[in-house]
């Protein structure tokens, strides 16, 4: 074989090697991409969920059409948490704030615009306006004019919206106390709109 033939053979081998290398890189990238997507799907199925906010009941903390991420792994509700739960009475998902957990005594005083949990007035700086004694409240819990007292049963929570005057929540007979088993998880992150992305309190 002549030197010319050897050179042509060498060039062909080099081209073939480069083609094989590019194909291998592409296949490797595709494989990594598929694995990454699979991991993300698993994470969202077993660890996280995406929920869209519906309505104004959590203003100004959350707004209609915003999207949040919640986690449910090893979650036990605590006062102050923003949670997502099933409401049998309203037949829909609710996003509200946990105000009292099993064993707590919650006193909502509309006269003085305060919420007391186990004798201590809680900080509700997340509210945008004073509370009003709106229609739809379950009068069963009214202990005096403008004052409602809730003894939260074990394994349940009392939920309220941050937009207290425009919220169907645990104060209504349609919702009442929410069982732990109906809690989907705690809202931990807002990811849409992107300009307001971040953790929530």
C-alpha atoms as a PDB file:
ATOM      1  CA  UNK A   1       0.000   0.000   0.000  1.00  0.00           C
ATOM      2  CA  UNK A   2       1.385   3.391  -1.009  1.00  0.00           C
ATOM      3  CA  UNK A   3       2.003   6.298   1.315  1.00  0.00           C
ATOM      4  CA  UNK A   4      -0.947   8.081  -0.346  1.00  0.00           C
ATOM      5  CA  UNK A   5      -3.225   5.158   0.429  1.00  0.00           C
ATOM      6  CA  UNK A   6      -1.954   5.067   4.015  1.00  0.00           C
ATOM      7  CA  UNK A   7      -2.661   8.788   4.470  1.00  0.00           C
ATOM      8  CA  UNK A   8      -6.184   8.450   3.039  1.00  0.00           C
ATOM      9  CA  UNK A   9      -6.799   5.451   5.304  1.00  0.00           C
ATOM     10  CA  UNK A  10      -5.572   7.430   8.307  1.00  0.00           C
ATOM     11  CA  UNK A  11      -7.875  10.377   7.492  1.00  0.00           C
ATOM     12  CA  UNK A  12     -10.863   8.033   7.099  1.00  0.00           C
ATOM     13  CA  UNK A  13     -10.091   6.360  10.436  1.00  0.00           C
ATOM     14  CA  UNK A  14      -9.821   9.757  12.109  1.00  0.00           C
ATOM     15  CA  UNK A  15     -13.192  10.880  10.672  1.00  0.00           C
ATOM     16  CA  UNK A  16     -14.825   7.630  11.786  1.00  0.00           C
ATOM     17  CA  UNK A  17     -13.314   7.983  15.270  1.00  0.00           C
ATOM     18  CA  UNK A  18     -14.632  11.542  15.550  1.00  0.00           C
ATOM     19  CA  UNK A  19     -18.099  10.413  14.409  1.00  0.00           C
ATOM     20  CA  UNK A  20     -18.113   7.598  16.971  1.00  0.00           C
ATOM     21  CA  UNK A  21     -16.939  10.012  19.676  1.00  0.00           C
ATOM     22  CA  UNK A  22     -19.694  12.525  18.837  1.00  0.00           C
ATOM     23  CA  UNK A  23     -22.313   9.763  18.855  1.00  0.00           C
ATOM     24  CA  UNK A  24     -21.057   8.458  22.185  1.00  0.00           C
ATOM     25  CA  UNK A  25     -21.142  11.986  23.675  1.00  0.00           C
ATOM     26  CA  UNK A  26     -24.669  12.533  22.382  1.00  0.00           C
ATOM     27  CA  UNK A  27     -25.898   9.209  23.758  1.00  0.00           C
ATOM     28  CA  UNK A  28     -24.225   9.907  27.091  1.00  0.00           C
ATOM     29  CA  UNK A  29     -25.829  13.368  27.264  1.00  0.00           C
ATOM     30  CA  UNK A  30     -29.258  11.927  26.394  1.00  0.00           C
ATOM     31  CA  UNK A  31     -28.859   9.242  29.036  1.00  0.00           C
ATOM     32  CA  UNK A  32     -27.915  11.822  31.678  1.00  0.00           C
ATOM     33  CA  UNK A  33     -30.865  14.016  30.669  1.00  0.00           C
ATOM     34  CA  UNK A  34     -33.326  11.107  30.919  1.00  0.00           C
ATOM     35  CA  UNK A  35     -31.958  10.103  34.325  1.00  0.00           C
ATOM     36  CA  UNK A  36     -32.194  13.703  35.564  1.00  0.00           C
ATOM     37  CA  UNK A  37     -35.809  13.995  34.397  1.00  0.00           C
ATOM     38  CA  UNK A  38     -36.621  10.665  36.049  1.00  0.00           C
ATOM     39  CA  UNK A  39     -35.086  11.830  39.348  1.00  0.00           C
ATOM     40  CA  UNK A  40     -37.032  15.106  39.209  1.00  0.00           C
ATOM     41  CA  UNK A  41     -40.265  13.200  38.583  1.00  0.00           C
ATOM     42  CA  UNK A  42     -39.573  10.882  41.514  1.00  0.00           C
ATOM     43  CA  UNK A  43     -38.810  13.838  43.776  1.00  0.00           C
ATOM     44  CA  UNK A  44     -42.073  15.555  42.901  1.00  0.00           C
ATOM     45  CA  UNK A  45     -44.073  12.347  43.259  1.00  0.00           C
ATOM     46  CA  UNK A  46     -42.671  11.248  46.606  1.00  0.00           C
ATOM     47  CA  UNK A  47     -41.220  14.387  48.234  1.00  0.00           C
ATOM     48  CA  UNK A  48     -42.752  17.547  46.754  1.00  0.00           C
ATOM     49  CA  UNK A  49     -45.958  18.700  45.100  1.00  0.00           C
ATOM     50  CA  UNK A  50     -46.866  21.783  43.086  1.00  0.00           C
ATOM     51  CA  UNK A  51     -50.086  23.593  43.968  1.00  0.00           C
ATOM     52  CA  UNK A  52     -51.712  26.628  42.368  1.00  0.00           C
ATOM     53  CA  UNK A  53     -53.225  29.216  44.700  1.00  0.00           C
ATOM     54  CA  UNK A  54     -56.908  29.833  44.058  1.00  0.00           C
ATOM     55  CA  UNK A  55     -58.675  32.921  45.345  1.00  0.00           C
ATOM     56  CA  UNK A  56     -57.780  35.797  47.695  1.00  0.00           C
ATOM     57  CA  UNK A  57     -58.030  34.091  51.094  1.00  0.00           C
ATOM     58  CA  UNK A  58     -54.267  34.110  51.744  1.00  0.00           C
ATOM     59  CA  UNK A  59     -53.586  37.709  50.631  1.00  0.00           C
ATOM     60  CA  UNK A  60     -51.175  39.389  51.093  1.00  0.00           C
ATOM     61  CA  UNK A  61     -48.960  36.334  51.743  1.00  0.00           C
ATOM     62  CA  UNK A  62     -50.116  34.478  48.636  1.00  0.00           C
ATOM     63  CA  UNK A  63     -52.083  35.661  45.623  1.00  0.00           C
ATOM     64  CA  UNK A  64     -54.433  34.024  43.139  1.00  0.00           C
ATOM     65  CA  UNK A  65     -52.686  31.943  40.425  1.00  0.00           C
ATOM     66  CA  UNK A  66     -49.330  31.874  42.240  1.00  0.00           C
ATOM     67  CA  UNK A  67     -47.684  28.467  42.384  1.00  0.00           C
ATOM     68  CA  UNK A  68     -46.106  26.952  45.453  1.00  0.00           C
ATOM     69  CA  UNK A  69     -44.252  23.803  46.405  1.00  0.00           C
ATOM     70  CA  UNK A  70     -45.227  21.763  49.421  1.00  0.00           C
ATOM     71  CA  UNK A  71     -43.561  18.898  51.206  1.00  0.00           C
ATOM     72  CA  UNK A  72     -45.259  16.116  53.125  1.00  0.00           C
ATOM     73  CA  UNK A  73     -42.475  13.721  54.127  1.00  0.00           C
ATOM     74  CA  UNK A  74     -42.401  13.251  57.926  1.00  0.00           C
ATOM     75  CA  UNK A  75     -44.530  16.363  58.300  1.00  0.00           C
ATOM     76  CA  UNK A  76     -46.359  17.156  61.519  1.00  0.00           C
ATOM     77  CA  UNK A  77     -48.377  20.394  61.560  1.00  0.00           C
ATOM     78  CA  UNK A  78     -47.192  23.284  63.701  1.00  0.00           C
ATOM     79  CA  UNK A  79     -48.811  26.594  64.504  1.00  0.00           C
ATOM     80  CA  UNK A  80     -47.950  29.223  61.917  1.00  0.00           C
ATOM     81  CA  UNK A  81     -47.376  26.747  59.074  1.00  0.00           C
ATOM     82  CA  UNK A  82     -49.042  27.411  55.736  1.00  0.00           C
ATOM     83  CA  UNK A  83     -50.627  24.101  54.819  1.00  0.00           C
ATOM     84  CA  UNK A  84     -52.622  22.511  52.009  1.00  0.00           C
ATOM     85  CA  UNK A  85     -55.511  20.275  52.990  1.00  0.00           C
ATOM     86  CA  UNK A  86     -58.592  18.554  51.637  1.00  0.00           C
ATOM     87  CA  UNK A  87     -61.911  20.030  52.690  1.00  0.00           C
ATOM     88  CA  UNK A  88     -64.776  17.545  52.511  1.00  0.00           C
ATOM     89  CA  UNK A  89     -67.320  20.276  53.241  1.00  0.00           C
ATOM     90  CA  UNK A  90     -66.166  22.528  50.399  1.00  0.00           C
ATOM     91  CA  UNK A  91     -65.030  19.609  48.212  1.00  0.00           C
ATOM     92  CA  UNK A  92     -61.741  21.230  47.245  1.00  0.00           C
ATOM     93  CA  UNK A  93     -58.152  21.838  48.317  1.00  0.00           C
ATOM     94  CA  UNK A  94     -57.523  24.704  50.713  1.00  0.00           C
ATOM     95  CA  UNK A  95     -54.344  26.674  51.348  1.00  0.00           C
ATOM     96  CA  UNK A  96     -54.522  28.210  54.825  1.00  0.00           C
ATOM     97  CA  UNK A  97     -52.461  28.949  57.898  1.00  0.00           C
ATOM     98  CA  UNK A  98     -52.421  26.529  60.824  1.00  0.00           C
ATOM     99  CA  UNK A  99     -53.534  28.520  63.880  1.00  0.00           C
ATOM    100  CA  UNK A 100     -54.075  25.739  66.403  1.00  0.00           C
ATOM    101  CA  UNK A 101     -53.149  22.063  66.691  1.00  0.00           C
ATOM    102  CA  UNK A 102     -54.672  19.238  68.719  1.00  0.00           C
ATOM    103  CA  UNK A 103     -55.030  20.221  72.386  1.00  0.00           C
ATOM    104  CA  UNK A 104     -54.778  23.983  71.802  1.00  0.00           C
ATOM    105  CA  UNK A 105     -57.370  26.509  72.919  1.00  0.00           C
ATOM    106  CA  UNK A 106     -57.760  29.299  70.380  1.00  0.00           C
ATOM    107  CA  UNK A 107     -59.679  32.467  71.197  1.00  0.00           C
ATOM    108  CA  UNK A 108     -60.570  34.786  68.318  1.00  0.00           C
ATOM    109  CA  UNK A 109     -61.561  38.198  69.667  1.00  0.00           C
ATOM    110  CA  UNK A 110     -63.053  40.402  66.963  1.00  0.00           C
ATOM    111  CA  UNK A 111     -63.630  43.225  69.434  1.00  0.00           C
ATOM    112  CA  UNK A 112     -59.922  43.625  70.112  1.00  0.00           C
ATOM    113  CA  UNK A 113     -58.637  42.166  66.809  1.00  0.00           C
ATOM    114  CA  UNK A 114     -56.580  39.455  68.526  1.00  0.00           C
ATOM    115  CA  UNK A 115     -56.042  35.709  68.255  1.00  0.00           C
ATOM    116  CA  UNK A 116     -54.933  33.973  71.441  1.00  0.00           C
ATOM    117  CA  UNK A 117     -53.478  30.458  71.531  1.00  0.00           C
ATOM    118  CA  UNK A 118     -53.273  28.854  74.970  1.00  0.00           C
ATOM    119  CA  UNK A 119     -53.522  32.250  76.640  1.00  0.00           C
ATOM    120  CA  UNK A 120     -50.899  34.002  74.512  1.00  0.00           C
ATOM    121  CA  UNK A 121     -51.736  36.593  71.862  1.00  0.00           C
ATOM    122  CA  UNK A 122     -49.966  35.557  68.657  1.00  0.00           C
ATOM    123  CA  UNK A 123     -48.209  37.869  66.223  1.00  0.00           C
ATOM    124  CA  UNK A 124     -50.237  38.086  63.033  1.00  0.00           C
ATOM    125  CA  UNK A 125     -48.277  40.754  61.209  1.00  0.00           C
ATOM    126  CA  UNK A 126     -49.000  38.847  57.980  1.00  0.00           C
ATOM    127  CA  UNK A 127     -52.597  40.155  58.107  1.00  0.00           C
ATOM    128  CA  UNK A 128     -53.289  43.269  56.048  1.00  0.00           C
ATOM    129  CA  UNK A 129     -56.377  44.517  57.897  1.00  0.00           C
ATOM    130  CA  UNK A 130     -58.265  44.169  61.201  1.00  0.00           C
ATOM    131  CA  UNK A 131     -60.612  41.188  61.580  1.00  0.00           C
ATOM    132  CA  UNK A 132     -64.361  41.600  61.264  1.00  0.00           C
ATOM    133  CA  UNK A 133     -67.045  39.246  62.524  1.00  0.00           C
ATOM    134  CA  UNK A 134     -68.115  38.147  59.061  1.00  0.00           C
ATOM    135  CA  UNK A 135     -71.137  36.081  58.083  1.00  0.00           C
ATOM    136  CA  UNK A 136     -70.658  32.343  57.856  1.00  0.00           C
ATOM    137  CA  UNK A 137     -68.943  31.929  61.227  1.00  0.00           C
ATOM    138  CA  UNK A 138     -70.063  28.898  63.219  1.00  0.00           C
ATOM    139  CA  UNK A 139     -71.900  30.481  66.159  1.00  0.00           C
ATOM    140  CA  UNK A 140     -71.481  27.273  68.152  1.00  0.00           C
ATOM    141  CA  UNK A 141     -68.095  28.578  69.254  1.00  0.00           C
ATOM    142  CA  UNK A 142     -69.208  32.088  70.264  1.00  0.00           C
ATOM    143  CA  UNK A 143     -68.569  32.424  74.005  1.00  0.00           C
ATOM    144  CA  UNK A 144     -69.488  36.108  74.243  1.00  0.00           C
ATOM    145  CA  UNK A 145     -70.352  38.884  71.812  1.00  0.00           C
ATOM    146  CA  UNK A 146     -67.574  39.091  69.235  1.00  0.00           C
ATOM    147  CA  UNK A 147     -65.479  36.361  70.894  1.00  0.00           C
ATOM    148  CA  UNK A 148     -65.149  32.762  69.680  1.00  0.00           C
ATOM    149  CA  UNK A 149     -63.355  29.981  71.557  1.00  0.00           C
ATOM    150  CA  UNK A 150     -62.125  26.821  69.830  1.00  0.00           C
ATOM    151  CA  UNK A 151     -60.849  23.777  71.729  1.00  0.00           C
ATOM    152  CA  UNK A 152     -58.954  21.960  68.988  1.00  0.00           C
ATOM    153  CA  UNK A 153     -59.509  18.168  69.169  1.00  0.00           C
ATOM    154  CA  UNK A 154     -56.526  15.827  69.094  1.00  0.00           C
ATOM    155  CA  UNK A 155     -55.227  14.913  65.631  1.00  0.00           C
ATOM    156  CA  UNK A 156     -56.880  17.942  64.050  1.00  0.00           C
ATOM    157  CA  UNK A 157     -55.895  21.536  63.289  1.00  0.00           C
ATOM    158  CA  UNK A 158     -57.720  24.858  63.171  1.00  0.00           C
ATOM    159  CA  UNK A 159     -56.937  26.721  59.947  1.00  0.00           C
ATOM    160  CA  UNK A 160     -57.543  30.335  58.937  1.00  0.00           C
ATOM    161  CA  UNK A 161     -56.714  32.417  55.904  1.00  0.00           C
ATOM    162  CA  UNK A 162     -54.380  35.398  56.246  1.00  0.00           C
ATOM    163  CA  UNK A 163     -57.040  37.481  54.498  1.00  0.00           C
ATOM    164  CA  UNK A 164     -59.249  36.810  57.489  1.00  0.00           C
ATOM    165  CA  UNK A 165     -62.268  38.789  56.297  1.00  0.00           C
ATOM    166  CA  UNK A 166     -62.441  36.968  52.962  1.00  0.00           C
ATOM    167  CA  UNK A 167     -61.687  33.387  53.898  1.00  0.00           C
ATOM    168  CA  UNK A 168     -63.819  30.254  54.232  1.00  0.00           C
ATOM    169  CA  UNK A 169     -61.802  28.348  56.824  1.00  0.00           C
ATOM    170  CA  UNK A 170     -61.993  26.505  60.146  1.00  0.00           C
ATOM    171  CA  UNK A 171     -64.297  29.137  61.618  1.00  0.00           C
ATOM    172  CA  UNK A 172     -67.018  28.004  59.200  1.00  0.00           C
ATOM    173  CA  UNK A 173     -69.199  24.963  59.827  1.00  0.00           C
ATOM    174  CA  UNK A 174     -68.478  23.938  56.212  1.00  0.00           C
ATOM    175  CA  UNK A 175     -64.800  23.440  57.043  1.00  0.00           C
ATOM    176  CA  UNK A 176     -64.405  23.083  60.810  1.00  0.00           C
ATOM    177  CA  UNK A 177     -61.400  21.326  62.257  1.00  0.00           C
ATOM    178  CA  UNK A 178     -59.180  19.560  59.715  1.00  0.00           C
ATOM    179  CA  UNK A 179     -57.999  16.029  60.417  1.00  0.00           C
ATOM    180  CA  UNK A 180     -54.285  15.323  60.150  1.00  0.00           C
ATOM    181  CA  UNK A 181     -55.023  12.699  57.506  1.00  0.00           C
ATOM    182  CA  UNK A 182     -56.535  15.391  55.283  1.00  0.00           C
ATOM    183  CA  UNK A 183     -53.384  17.512  55.339  1.00  0.00           C
ATOM    184  CA  UNK A 184     -51.368  17.162  52.133  1.00  0.00           C
ATOM    185  CA  UNK A 185     -48.323  19.012  53.441  1.00  0.00           C
ATOM    186  CA  UNK A 186     -46.637  22.278  54.303  1.00  0.00           C
ATOM    187  CA  UNK A 187     -46.017  25.026  51.765  1.00  0.00           C
ATOM    188  CA  UNK A 188     -42.273  25.702  51.732  1.00  0.00           C
ATOM    189  CA  UNK A 189     -41.519  27.649  48.553  1.00  0.00           C
ATOM    190  CA  UNK A 190     -43.157  29.974  46.019  1.00  0.00           C
ATOM    191  CA  UNK A 191     -41.680  29.460  42.552  1.00  0.00           C
ATOM    192  CA  UNK A 192     -44.131  31.456  40.419  1.00  0.00           C
ATOM    193  CA  UNK A 193     -44.190  34.294  39.602  1.00  0.00           C
ATOM    194  CA  UNK A 194     -40.426  34.130  39.241  1.00  0.00           C
ATOM    195  CA  UNK A 195     -39.971  37.676  40.533  1.00  0.00           C
ATOM    196  CA  UNK A 196     -41.412  36.610  43.916  1.00  0.00           C
ATOM    197  CA  UNK A 197     -39.646  33.255  44.081  1.00  0.00           C
ATOM    198  CA  UNK A 198     -38.570  32.299  47.588  1.00  0.00           C
ATOM    199  CA  UNK A 199     -39.423  30.644  50.901  1.00  0.00           C
ATOM    200  CA  UNK A 200     -42.590  31.524  52.778  1.00  0.00           C
ATOM    201  CA  UNK A 201     -43.357  32.342  56.399  1.00  0.00           C
END
